[in-house]
């Protein structure tokens, strides 16, 4: 499987690296801090009740190697505290994920098969 590095993410989305290395590998994208495992990439998504972007520190404490956050400001103290973690700021988390999914798909030269309908998809 081909890796996506922070630099690939930045080059294919409208984003900015706030801390960490461009060589860091992004994997196991998760939007729920309770599901974060060591090495995962946390994606902050603003919901109706909770703004997941404000939970990035919890994700980092839970073992996330990288965080993708949407339009929030982070103090210099926090950036210094997590300087070994990749923190990426995007304009829109959902659009960034769509763009990186398109990029990932284009990395492989295999056919795509779509299955439609609602009965017997096993």
N, C-alpha and C. Protein backbone atom coordinates (compact mmCIF):
# COMPACT_ATOMS: atom_id res chain seq x y z
N UNK A 1 0.84 -1.16 0.00
CA UNK A 1 0.00 0.00 0.00
C UNK A 1 0.89 1.24 0.00
N UNK A 2 0.53 2.22 -0.77
CA UNK A 2 1.32 3.45 -0.89
C UNK A 2 0.95 4.42 0.22
N UNK A 3 1.97 5.06 0.76
CA UNK A 3 1.77 5.98 1.87
C UNK A 3 1.42 7.39 1.40
N UNK A 4 0.68 8.10 2.24
CA UNK A 4 0.43 9.51 2.04
C UNK A 4 1.21 10.25 3.11
N UNK A 5 2.09 11.11 2.69
CA UNK A 5 2.87 11.91 3.62
C UNK A 5 2.21 13.28 3.79
N UNK A 6 2.61 13.97 4.83
CA UNK A 6 2.08 15.31 5.08
C UNK A 6 2.28 16.20 3.85
N UNK A 7 3.45 16.11 3.23
CA UNK A 7 3.71 16.95 2.05
C UNK A 7 2.75 16.63 0.91
N UNK A 8 2.35 15.36 0.76
CA UNK A 8 1.37 14.99 -0.26
C UNK A 8 0.02 15.62 0.06
N UNK A 9 -0.34 15.58 1.34
CA UNK A 9 -1.61 16.16 1.77
C UNK A 9 -1.62 17.66 1.48
N UNK A 10 -0.54 18.34 1.85
CA UNK A 10 -0.46 19.79 1.65
C UNK A 10 -0.49 20.14 0.16
N UNK A 11 0.20 19.36 -0.65
CA UNK A 11 0.25 19.65 -2.09
C UNK A 11 -1.07 19.38 -2.80
N UNK A 12 -1.95 18.59 -2.20
CA UNK A 12 -3.21 18.23 -2.86
C UNK A 12 -4.45 18.82 -2.20
N UNK A 13 -4.27 19.61 -1.18
CA UNK A 13 -5.40 20.24 -0.50
C UNK A 13 -5.04 21.70 -0.22
N UNK A 14 -6.03 22.47 0.16
CA UNK A 14 -5.80 23.85 0.58
C UNK A 14 -5.46 23.83 2.06
N UNK A 15 -4.21 23.59 2.38
CA UNK A 15 -3.83 23.41 3.78
C UNK A 15 -2.47 24.00 4.07
N UNK A 16 -2.17 24.09 5.37
CA UNK A 16 -0.91 24.65 5.84
C UNK A 16 -0.41 23.82 7.02
N UNK A 17 0.85 23.46 7.00
CA UNK A 17 1.47 22.72 8.10
C UNK A 17 1.85 23.71 9.20
N UNK A 18 1.27 23.52 10.39
CA UNK A 18 1.55 24.40 11.52
C UNK A 18 2.70 23.88 12.38
N UNK A 19 2.83 22.56 12.48
CA UNK A 19 3.94 21.96 13.22
C UNK A 19 4.18 20.55 12.70
N UNK A 20 5.34 20.01 13.04
CA UNK A 20 5.66 18.66 12.61
C UNK A 20 6.42 18.63 11.30
N UNK A 21 6.61 17.41 10.81
CA UNK A 21 7.42 17.18 9.61
C UNK A 21 6.56 16.89 8.39
N UNK A 22 7.01 17.40 7.25
CA UNK A 22 6.34 17.11 5.98
C UNK A 22 6.52 15.65 5.58
N UNK A 23 7.47 14.96 6.17
CA UNK A 23 7.74 13.56 5.84
C UNK A 23 6.90 12.58 6.66
N UNK A 24 6.17 13.08 7.63
CA UNK A 24 5.31 12.24 8.47
C UNK A 24 4.28 11.52 7.60
N UNK A 25 4.06 10.26 7.88
CA UNK A 25 3.07 9.48 7.13
C UNK A 25 1.72 9.60 7.80
N UNK A 26 0.70 9.91 7.00
CA UNK A 26 -0.67 10.01 7.49
C UNK A 26 -1.38 8.69 7.23
N UNK A 27 -1.95 8.11 8.29
CA UNK A 27 -2.67 6.85 8.13
C UNK A 27 -3.80 6.76 9.13
N UNK A 28 -4.70 5.84 8.89
CA UNK A 28 -5.83 5.58 9.79
C UNK A 28 -6.54 6.86 10.20
N UNK A 29 -7.15 7.52 9.24
CA UNK A 29 -7.87 8.76 9.49
C UNK A 29 -9.09 8.48 10.38
N UNK A 30 -9.19 9.21 11.49
CA UNK A 30 -10.31 9.03 12.42
C UNK A 30 -10.90 10.39 12.78
N UNK A 31 -12.21 10.43 12.98
CA UNK A 31 -12.87 11.68 13.36
C UNK A 31 -13.38 11.66 14.79
N UNK A 32 -13.18 10.57 15.49
CA UNK A 32 -13.65 10.43 16.87
C UNK A 32 -12.44 10.22 17.78
N UNK A 33 -12.22 11.15 18.71
CA UNK A 33 -11.05 11.06 19.58
C UNK A 33 -11.08 9.81 20.45
N UNK A 34 -12.26 9.27 20.70
CA UNK A 34 -12.37 8.07 21.53
C UNK A 34 -11.85 6.83 20.81
N UNK A 35 -11.74 6.90 19.49
CA UNK A 35 -11.26 5.77 18.69
C UNK A 35 -9.79 5.88 18.31
N UNK A 36 -9.16 6.97 18.68
CA UNK A 36 -7.76 7.21 18.31
C UNK A 36 -6.85 6.17 18.95
N UNK A 37 -5.97 5.63 18.11
CA UNK A 37 -4.92 4.73 18.58
C UNK A 37 -3.58 5.33 18.18
N UNK A 38 -2.54 4.85 18.79
CA UNK A 38 -1.21 5.39 18.53
C UNK A 38 -0.90 5.36 17.03
N UNK A 39 -0.50 6.52 16.51
CA UNK A 39 -0.12 6.62 15.11
C UNK A 39 -1.22 7.05 14.17
N UNK A 40 -2.46 7.17 14.65
CA UNK A 40 -3.58 7.57 13.80
C UNK A 40 -3.50 9.05 13.42
N UNK A 41 -4.31 9.41 12.43
CA UNK A 41 -4.46 10.80 12.03
C UNK A 41 -5.87 11.24 12.41
N UNK A 42 -5.96 12.28 13.22
CA UNK A 42 -7.26 12.80 13.66
C UNK A 42 -7.72 13.89 12.70
N UNK A 43 -8.99 13.83 12.33
CA UNK A 43 -9.59 14.84 11.47
C UNK A 43 -10.71 15.53 12.24
N UNK A 44 -10.54 16.82 12.49
CA UNK A 44 -11.57 17.58 13.18
C UNK A 44 -12.68 17.94 12.21
N UNK A 45 -13.89 17.56 12.57
CA UNK A 45 -15.06 17.87 11.74
C UNK A 45 -16.08 18.57 12.62
N UNK A 46 -16.61 19.66 12.12
CA UNK A 46 -17.61 20.42 12.87
C UNK A 46 -18.98 19.78 12.65
N UNK A 47 -19.58 19.33 13.76
CA UNK A 47 -20.90 18.73 13.71
C UNK A 47 -21.96 19.70 14.19
N UNK A 48 -23.17 19.21 14.28
CA UNK A 48 -24.27 20.06 14.74
C UNK A 48 -24.13 20.44 16.21
N UNK A 49 -23.64 19.51 17.03
CA UNK A 49 -23.55 19.74 18.46
C UNK A 49 -22.12 19.95 18.95
N UNK A 50 -21.17 19.30 18.31
CA UNK A 50 -19.78 19.34 18.76
C UNK A 50 -18.87 19.75 17.61
N UNK A 51 -17.94 20.65 17.91
CA UNK A 51 -16.93 21.02 16.92
C UNK A 51 -15.70 20.18 17.19
N UNK A 52 -15.52 19.14 16.39
CA UNK A 52 -14.40 18.23 16.57
C UNK A 52 -13.04 18.90 16.42
N UNK A 53 -13.00 20.06 15.81
CA UNK A 53 -11.74 20.77 15.65
C UNK A 53 -11.16 21.21 16.99
N UNK A 54 -12.00 21.42 17.97
CA UNK A 54 -11.53 21.87 19.28
C UNK A 54 -10.98 20.72 20.11
N UNK A 55 -11.09 19.49 19.63
CA UNK A 55 -10.67 18.31 20.39
C UNK A 55 -9.31 17.76 19.96
N UNK A 56 -8.58 18.53 19.17
CA UNK A 56 -7.32 18.03 18.62
C UNK A 56 -6.32 17.67 19.72
N UNK A 57 -6.29 18.42 20.82
CA UNK A 57 -5.33 18.10 21.89
C UNK A 57 -5.65 16.76 22.53
N UNK A 58 -6.92 16.46 22.67
CA UNK A 58 -7.33 15.16 23.21
C UNK A 58 -6.85 14.05 22.28
N UNK A 59 -7.00 14.26 20.98
CA UNK A 59 -6.54 13.26 20.00
C UNK A 59 -5.03 13.05 20.11
N UNK A 60 -4.29 14.15 20.24
CA UNK A 60 -2.83 14.04 20.35
C UNK A 60 -2.44 13.32 21.64
N UNK A 61 -3.11 13.62 22.72
CA UNK A 61 -2.84 12.94 24.00
C UNK A 61 -3.15 11.46 23.92
N UNK A 62 -4.16 11.10 23.09
CA UNK A 62 -4.56 9.70 22.94
C UNK A 62 -3.66 8.93 21.97
N UNK A 63 -2.67 9.61 21.37
CA UNK A 63 -1.71 8.90 20.53
C UNK A 63 -1.71 9.28 19.06
N UNK A 64 -2.55 10.22 18.66
CA UNK A 64 -2.55 10.63 17.25
C UNK A 64 -1.18 11.15 16.86
N UNK A 65 -0.75 10.81 15.69
CA UNK A 65 0.54 11.25 15.16
C UNK A 65 0.36 12.57 14.40
N UNK A 66 -0.89 12.80 13.95
CA UNK A 66 -1.17 14.01 13.18
C UNK A 66 -2.63 14.42 13.40
N UNK A 67 -2.88 15.73 13.21
CA UNK A 67 -4.23 16.26 13.31
C UNK A 67 -4.49 17.18 12.12
N UNK A 68 -5.68 17.08 11.60
CA UNK A 68 -6.13 17.96 10.54
C UNK A 68 -7.27 18.77 11.14
N UNK A 69 -7.09 20.08 11.20
CA UNK A 69 -8.07 20.93 11.85
C UNK A 69 -8.55 22.01 10.88
N UNK A 70 -9.75 22.47 11.12
CA UNK A 70 -10.38 23.43 10.23
C UNK A 70 -10.54 24.78 10.93
N UNK A 71 -9.86 25.77 10.38
CA UNK A 71 -10.05 27.17 10.77
C UNK A 71 -10.10 27.48 12.25
N UNK A 72 -9.17 26.93 13.02
CA UNK A 72 -9.06 27.37 14.41
C UNK A 72 -7.63 27.83 14.64
N UNK A 73 -7.48 28.74 15.57
CA UNK A 73 -6.16 29.25 15.89
C UNK A 73 -5.58 28.45 17.04
N UNK A 74 -4.29 28.18 16.96
CA UNK A 74 -3.59 27.43 18.00
C UNK A 74 -2.47 28.30 18.52
N UNK A 75 -2.36 28.38 19.83
CA UNK A 75 -1.33 29.22 20.44
C UNK A 75 0.07 28.67 20.16
N UNK A 76 1.05 29.57 20.24
CA UNK A 76 2.44 29.16 20.03
C UNK A 76 2.88 28.15 21.09
N UNK A 77 2.34 28.29 22.30
CA UNK A 77 2.68 27.35 23.38
C UNK A 77 2.24 25.93 23.04
N UNK A 78 1.03 25.80 22.51
CA UNK A 78 0.51 24.48 22.14
C UNK A 78 1.30 23.92 20.97
N UNK A 79 1.62 24.76 20.00
CA UNK A 79 2.42 24.29 18.86
C UNK A 79 3.80 23.82 19.31
N UNK A 80 4.38 24.51 20.26
CA UNK A 80 5.68 24.10 20.80
C UNK A 80 5.56 22.78 21.55
N UNK A 81 4.48 22.63 22.30
CA UNK A 81 4.24 21.42 23.08
C UNK A 81 4.16 20.18 22.17
N UNK A 82 3.55 20.36 21.00
CA UNK A 82 3.34 19.24 20.08
C UNK A 82 4.18 19.38 18.81
N UNK A 83 5.37 19.96 18.91
CA UNK A 83 6.19 20.21 17.74
C UNK A 83 6.61 18.94 17.00
N UNK A 84 6.55 17.79 17.68
CA UNK A 84 6.90 16.53 17.03
C UNK A 84 5.69 15.87 16.36
N UNK A 85 4.52 16.49 16.46
CA UNK A 85 3.29 15.98 15.84
C UNK A 85 2.94 16.89 14.66
N UNK A 86 2.37 16.31 13.62
CA UNK A 86 1.95 17.10 12.47
C UNK A 86 0.57 17.69 12.75
N UNK A 87 0.50 19.00 12.71
CA UNK A 87 -0.78 19.69 12.84
C UNK A 87 -0.98 20.47 11.55
N UNK A 88 -2.05 20.13 10.86
CA UNK A 88 -2.34 20.70 9.55
C UNK A 88 -3.64 21.48 9.64
N UNK A 89 -3.61 22.70 9.15
CA UNK A 89 -4.81 23.56 9.15
C UNK A 89 -5.39 23.61 7.74
N UNK A 90 -6.69 23.34 7.64
CA UNK A 90 -7.37 23.35 6.34
C UNK A 90 -8.53 24.35 6.39
N UNK A 91 -8.98 24.75 5.21
CA UNK A 91 -10.16 25.63 5.12
C UNK A 91 -11.44 24.85 5.40
N UNK A 92 -11.48 23.60 4.89
CA UNK A 92 -12.68 22.78 5.03
C UNK A 92 -12.24 21.31 5.15
N UNK A 93 -12.52 20.70 6.29
CA UNK A 93 -12.08 19.32 6.54
C UNK A 93 -12.67 18.33 5.55
N UNK A 94 -13.96 18.45 5.29
CA UNK A 94 -14.63 17.50 4.38
C UNK A 94 -14.05 17.61 2.98
N UNK A 95 -13.88 18.84 2.48
CA UNK A 95 -13.31 19.00 1.14
C UNK A 95 -11.87 18.49 1.09
N UNK A 96 -11.10 18.70 2.15
CA UNK A 96 -9.73 18.21 2.18
C UNK A 96 -9.70 16.68 2.12
N UNK A 97 -10.60 16.03 2.86
CA UNK A 97 -10.68 14.56 2.82
C UNK A 97 -11.07 14.07 1.43
N UNK A 98 -11.99 14.78 0.78
CA UNK A 98 -12.40 14.39 -0.58
C UNK A 98 -11.21 14.49 -1.54
N UNK A 99 -10.45 15.57 -1.42
CA UNK A 99 -9.30 15.76 -2.30
C UNK A 99 -8.22 14.71 -2.06
N UNK A 100 -7.98 14.38 -0.79
CA UNK A 100 -6.93 13.39 -0.51
C UNK A 100 -7.39 11.98 -0.90
N UNK A 101 -8.69 11.73 -0.81
CA UNK A 101 -9.23 10.44 -1.26
C UNK A 101 -9.06 10.30 -2.78
N UNK A 102 -9.31 11.37 -3.50
CA UNK A 102 -9.12 11.38 -4.95
C UNK A 102 -7.65 11.14 -5.28
N UNK A 103 -6.76 11.82 -4.58
CA UNK A 103 -5.33 11.64 -4.78
C UNK A 103 -4.91 10.19 -4.52
N UNK A 104 -5.39 9.63 -3.42
CA UNK A 104 -5.05 8.24 -3.06
C UNK A 104 -5.55 7.28 -4.14
N UNK A 105 -6.74 7.50 -4.61
CA UNK A 105 -7.32 6.63 -5.65
C UNK A 105 -6.48 6.68 -6.92
N UNK A 106 -5.98 7.86 -7.26
CA UNK A 106 -5.19 8.03 -8.48
C UNK A 106 -3.80 7.40 -8.37
N UNK A 107 -3.38 7.03 -7.17
CA UNK A 107 -2.09 6.39 -6.97
C UNK A 107 -2.07 4.95 -7.50
N UNK A 108 -3.23 4.37 -7.72
CA UNK A 108 -3.35 2.98 -8.12
C UNK A 108 -3.97 2.88 -9.51
N UNK A 109 -3.46 1.97 -10.30
CA UNK A 109 -4.00 1.74 -11.64
C UNK A 109 -4.82 0.45 -11.62
N UNK A 110 -5.96 0.54 -10.94
CA UNK A 110 -6.85 -0.61 -10.86
C UNK A 110 -8.27 -0.16 -11.17
N UNK A 111 -9.09 -1.05 -11.71
CA UNK A 111 -10.47 -0.65 -12.03
C UNK A 111 -11.30 -0.43 -10.77
N UNK A 112 -12.27 0.45 -10.90
CA UNK A 112 -13.20 0.72 -9.81
C UNK A 112 -14.53 0.10 -10.18
N UNK A 113 -15.13 -0.62 -9.25
CA UNK A 113 -16.40 -1.27 -9.50
C UNK A 113 -17.42 -0.67 -8.55
N UNK A 114 -18.56 -0.24 -9.06
CA UNK A 114 -19.62 0.31 -8.25
C UNK A 114 -20.78 -0.67 -8.15
N UNK A 115 -21.31 -0.86 -6.97
CA UNK A 115 -22.45 -1.75 -6.77
C UNK A 115 -23.61 -0.89 -6.28
N UNK A 116 -24.72 -1.00 -6.97
CA UNK A 116 -25.90 -0.22 -6.58
C UNK A 116 -27.05 -1.14 -6.23
N UNK A 117 -28.06 -0.58 -5.64
CA UNK A 117 -29.22 -1.36 -5.26
C UNK A 117 -29.25 -1.55 -3.76
N UNK A 118 -30.36 -2.09 -3.27
CA UNK A 118 -30.49 -2.22 -1.81
C UNK A 118 -30.78 -3.65 -1.36
N UNK A 119 -30.71 -4.61 -2.29
CA UNK A 119 -31.04 -5.99 -1.93
C UNK A 119 -29.86 -6.90 -2.26
N UNK A 120 -29.52 -7.78 -1.35
CA UNK A 120 -28.54 -8.85 -1.57
C UNK A 120 -27.19 -8.37 -2.08
N UNK A 121 -26.52 -7.56 -1.30
CA UNK A 121 -25.19 -7.08 -1.67
C UNK A 121 -24.09 -7.96 -1.11
N UNK A 122 -24.44 -9.03 -0.44
CA UNK A 122 -23.42 -9.88 0.16
C UNK A 122 -22.58 -10.44 -0.92
